Amino acid sequence: QVQLVESGGGLVQAGASLRLSCAASGGTFSRRTMGWFRQAPGKEREFVAAINWGAGSTYYADSVKGRFTISRVDAKNTVYLQMNSLKPDDTAVYYCAAHLSVGRITDTAGYGYWGQGTQVTVSS
């Protein structure tokens, strides 16, 4: 069973950068597509970014494209989310997730393992 632990969240001002990390243990991390989602108060959890195993193809929500970068180091069982030019609208709890290889990678239903989340707060 895959266990995921996120870290790197915090309180920053608009325009700043943060890098989130997600450490995985158990299971076959290197063969799973990994995703980042976020959930703001009163809103549904939404897709942020995903990265395939192998070739490492990446996918982004339109709202973060050009500002966020997802990457992975399989030797460290870790996936990262580099967030630049942060905006107040980026404020949310950010979750790392491991895909089950069925379903769309932009849908929460396709992910079977989730971390506990890390809070990102961007002040204006």
C-alpha atoms as a PDB file:
ATOM      1  CA  GLN A   1       0.000   0.000   0.000  1.00  0.00           C
ATOM      2  CA  VAL A   2       1.285   3.429  -0.952  1.00  0.00           C
ATOM      3  CA  GLN A   3       1.646   6.027   1.790  1.00  0.00           C
ATOM      4  CA  LEU A   4       2.123   9.682   0.870  1.00  0.00           C
ATOM      5  CA  VAL A   5       3.391  12.531   3.035  1.00  0.00           C
ATOM      6  CA  GLU A   6       3.358  16.120   1.790  1.00  0.00           C
ATOM      7  CA  SER A   7       5.521  18.945   3.092  1.00  0.00           C
ATOM      8  CA  GLY A   8       6.619  22.430   2.119  1.00  0.00           C
ATOM      9  CA  GLY A   9       3.465  24.448   2.563  1.00  0.00           C
ATOM     10  CA  GLY A  10       3.367  27.772   4.349  1.00  0.00           C
ATOM     11  CA  LEU A  11       2.293  31.401   4.384  1.00  0.00           C
ATOM     12  CA  VAL A  12       3.763  33.610   1.663  1.00  0.00           C
ATOM     13  CA  GLN A  13       3.024  36.893  -0.039  1.00  0.00           C
ATOM     14  CA  ALA A  14       1.676  37.167  -3.553  1.00  0.00           C
ATOM     15  CA  GLY A  15       4.418  36.741  -6.118  1.00  0.00           C
ATOM     16  CA  ALA A  16       6.495  34.440  -3.946  1.00  0.00           C
ATOM     17  CA  SER A  17       7.457  30.820  -4.599  1.00  0.00           C
ATOM     18  CA  LEU A  18       7.073  27.569  -2.704  1.00  0.00           C
ATOM     19  CA  ARG A  19       8.117  24.013  -3.418  1.00  0.00           C
ATOM     20  CA  LEU A  20       5.944  21.198  -2.168  1.00  0.00           C
ATOM     21  CA  SER A  21       7.317  17.713  -1.713  1.00  0.00           C
ATOM     22  CA  CYS A  22       5.511  14.401  -1.528  1.00  0.00           C
ATOM     23  CA  ALA A  23       7.398  11.424  -0.154  1.00  0.00           C
ATOM     24  CA  ALA A  24       5.992   8.012  -1.017  1.00  0.00           C
ATOM     25  CA  SER A  25       6.544   4.693   0.676  1.00  0.00           C
ATOM     26  CA  GLY A  26       5.235   1.231  -0.057  1.00  0.00           C
ATOM     27  CA  GLY A  27       3.885  -0.009  -3.366  1.00  0.00           C
ATOM     28  CA  THR A  28       5.377   0.618  -6.782  1.00  0.00           C
ATOM     29  CA  PHE A  29       5.789   4.374  -6.767  1.00  0.00           C
ATOM     30  CA  SER A  30       7.960   4.486  -9.856  1.00  0.00           C
ATOM     31  CA  ARG A  31       5.216   2.961 -12.011  1.00  0.00           C
ATOM     32  CA  ARG A  32       2.414   5.262 -10.938  1.00  0.00           C
ATOM     33  CA  THR A  33       1.200   8.510 -12.339  1.00  0.00           C
ATOM     34  CA  MET A  34       1.324  11.041  -9.519  1.00  0.00           C
ATOM     35  CA  GLY A  35      -0.880  14.067  -9.139  1.00  0.00           C
ATOM     36  CA  TRP A  36      -1.316  17.203  -7.103  1.00  0.00           C
ATOM     37  CA  PHE A  37      -4.756  18.492  -6.203  1.00  0.00           C
ATOM     38  CA  ARG A  38      -5.908  21.370  -4.042  1.00  0.00           C
ATOM     39  CA  GLN A  39      -8.982  22.248  -2.058  1.00  0.00           C
ATOM     40  CA  ALA A  40      -9.929  25.730  -0.923  1.00  0.00           C
ATOM     41  CA  PRO A  41     -12.485  26.319   1.856  1.00  0.00           C
ATOM     42  CA  GLY A  42     -16.010  25.731   0.602  1.00  0.00           C
ATOM     43  CA  LYS A  43     -14.822  24.418  -2.765  1.00  0.00           C
ATOM     44  CA  GLU A  44     -14.389  21.001  -4.315  1.00  0.00           C
ATOM     45  CA  ARG A  45     -10.992  19.415  -4.611  1.00  0.00           C
ATOM     46  CA  GLU A  46      -9.517  20.335  -7.987  1.00  0.00           C
ATOM     47  CA  PHE A  47      -6.778  19.026 -10.224  1.00  0.00           C
ATOM     48  CA  VAL A  48      -3.527  20.989 -10.287  1.00  0.00           C
ATOM     49  CA  ALA A  49      -0.901  18.867 -12.047  1.00  0.00           C
ATOM     50  CA  ALA A  50       0.118  15.307 -12.831  1.00  0.00           C
ATOM     51  CA  ILE A  51       3.189  13.491 -14.071  1.00  0.00           C
ATOM     52  CA  ASN A  52       3.398  10.070 -15.702  1.00  0.00           C
ATOM     53  CA  TRP A  53       5.972   7.495 -14.806  1.00  0.00           C
ATOM     54  CA  GLY A  54       8.558   6.560 -17.408  1.00  0.00           C
ATOM     55  CA  ALA A  55       8.720   9.375 -19.939  1.00  0.00           C
ATOM     56  CA  GLY A  56       7.436  11.794 -17.327  1.00  0.00           C
ATOM     57  CA  SER A  57       4.774  13.522 -19.397  1.00  0.00           C
ATOM     58  CA  THR A  58       3.224  16.379 -17.441  1.00  0.00           C
ATOM     59  CA  TYR A  59      -0.254  17.866 -17.321  1.00  0.00           C
ATOM     60  CA  TYR A  60      -1.466  21.099 -15.741  1.00  0.00           C
ATOM     61  CA  ALA A  61      -4.668  22.886 -14.927  1.00  0.00           C
ATOM     62  CA  ASP A  62      -5.051  26.041 -16.994  1.00  0.00           C
ATOM     63  CA  SER A  63      -5.025  28.130 -13.837  1.00  0.00           C
ATOM     64  CA  VAL A  64      -1.450  27.110 -12.965  1.00  0.00           C
ATOM     65  CA  LYS A  65       0.077  26.525 -16.394  1.00  0.00           C
ATOM     66  CA  GLY A  66       3.276  28.506 -16.789  1.00  0.00           C
ATOM     67  CA  ARG A  67       3.600  29.101 -13.039  1.00  0.00           C
ATOM     68  CA  PHE A  68       3.733  25.607 -11.512  1.00  0.00           C
ATOM     69  CA  THR A  69       6.044  22.746 -12.420  1.00  0.00           C
ATOM     70  CA  ILE A  70       5.594  19.126 -11.373  1.00  0.00           C
ATOM     71  CA  SER A  71       8.570  16.790 -11.284  1.00  0.00           C
ATOM     72  CA  ARG A  72       9.574  13.478  -9.769  1.00  0.00           C
ATOM     73  CA  VAL A  73      12.694  11.667  -8.642  1.00  0.00           C
ATOM     74  CA  ASP A  74      11.846   7.989  -8.617  1.00  0.00           C
ATOM     75  CA  ALA A  75      15.121   7.066  -6.917  1.00  0.00           C
ATOM     76  CA  LYS A  76      13.921   9.133  -3.938  1.00  0.00           C
ATOM     77  CA  ASN A  77      10.248   8.120  -4.246  1.00  0.00           C
ATOM     78  CA  THR A  78       9.421  11.804  -4.253  1.00  0.00           C
ATOM     79  CA  VAL A  79       7.297  14.096  -6.397  1.00  0.00           C
ATOM     80  CA  TYR A  80       7.588  17.872  -6.272  1.00  0.00           C
ATOM     81  CA  LEU A  81       5.419  20.842  -7.124  1.00  0.00           C
ATOM     82  CA  GLN A  82       7.353  24.039  -7.737  1.00  0.00           C
ATOM     83  CA  MET A  83       4.968  26.972  -7.432  1.00  0.00           C
ATOM     84  CA  ASN A  84       6.069  30.381  -8.702  1.00  0.00           C
ATOM     85  CA  SER A  85       4.276  33.703  -8.955  1.00  0.00           C
ATOM     86  CA  LEU A  86       1.786  32.628  -6.332  1.00  0.00           C
ATOM     87  CA  LYS A  87      -1.562  34.382  -6.151  1.00  0.00           C
ATOM     88  CA  PRO A  88      -4.122  34.660  -3.342  1.00  0.00           C
ATOM     89  CA  ASP A  89      -6.370  32.370  -5.422  1.00  0.00           C
ATOM     90  CA  ASP A  90      -3.772  29.621  -4.975  1.00  0.00           C
ATOM     91  CA  THR A  91      -4.597  29.466  -1.264  1.00  0.00           C
ATOM     92  CA  ALA A  92      -5.724  25.924  -0.458  1.00  0.00           C
ATOM     93  CA  VAL A  93      -4.755  22.641   1.093  1.00  0.00           C
ATOM     94  CA  TYR A  94      -2.581  20.822  -1.423  1.00  0.00           C
ATOM     95  CA  TYR A  95      -2.769  17.048  -1.693  1.00  0.00           C
ATOM     96  CA  CYS A  96      -0.482  14.559  -3.349  1.00  0.00           C
ATOM     97  CA  ALA A  97      -2.099  11.473  -4.849  1.00  0.00           C
ATOM     98  CA  ALA A  98      -1.164   8.237  -6.601  1.00  0.00           C
ATOM     99  CA  HIS A  99      -3.185   7.212  -9.636  1.00  0.00           C
ATOM    100  CA  LEU A 100      -4.735   3.763  -9.941  1.00  0.00           C
ATOM    101  CA  SER A 101      -4.072   3.531 -13.702  1.00  0.00           C
ATOM    102  CA  VAL A 102      -7.780   3.704 -14.497  1.00  0.00           C
ATOM    103  CA  GLY A 103      -9.814   6.805 -15.131  1.00  0.00           C
ATOM    104  CA  ARG A 104      -8.772  10.272 -16.084  1.00  0.00           C
ATOM    105  CA  ILE A 105      -5.722  11.704 -14.374  1.00  0.00           C
ATOM    106  CA  THR A 106      -7.545  14.993 -13.860  1.00  0.00           C
ATOM    107  CA  ASP A 107     -10.318  13.354 -11.827  1.00  0.00           C
ATOM    108  CA  THR A 108     -10.040  12.620  -8.115  1.00  0.00           C
ATOM    109  CA  ALA A 109     -11.864   9.319  -8.677  1.00  0.00           C
ATOM    110  CA  GLY A 110      -8.847   7.929 -10.526  1.00  0.00           C
ATOM    111  CA  TYR A 111      -6.577   8.233  -7.499  1.00  0.00           C
ATOM    112  CA  GLY A 112      -6.507   5.591  -4.814  1.00  0.00           C
ATOM    113  CA  TYR A 113      -3.933   6.958  -2.406  1.00  0.00           C
ATOM    114  CA  TRP A 114      -3.846  10.413  -0.875  1.00  0.00           C
ATOM    115  CA  GLY A 115      -1.595  12.295   1.484  1.00  0.00           C
ATOM    116  CA  GLN A 116      -2.847  14.268   4.445  1.00  0.00           C
ATOM    117  CA  GLY A 117      -2.378  17.599   2.693  1.00  0.00           C
ATOM    118  CA  THR A 118      -0.267  20.686   3.299  1.00  0.00           C
ATOM    119  CA  GLN A 119      -1.645  24.199   3.707  1.00  0.00           C
ATOM    120  CA  VAL A 120      -0.589  26.931   1.297  1.00  0.00           C
ATOM    121  CA  THR A 121      -1.698  30.453   2.123  1.00  0.00           C
ATOM    122  CA  VAL A 122      -0.928  33.373  -0.168  1.00  0.00           C
ATOM    123  CA  SER A 123      -1.551  36.854   1.174  1.00  0.00           C
ATOM    124  CA  SER A 124      -2.192  39.862  -1.045  1.00  0.00           C
END
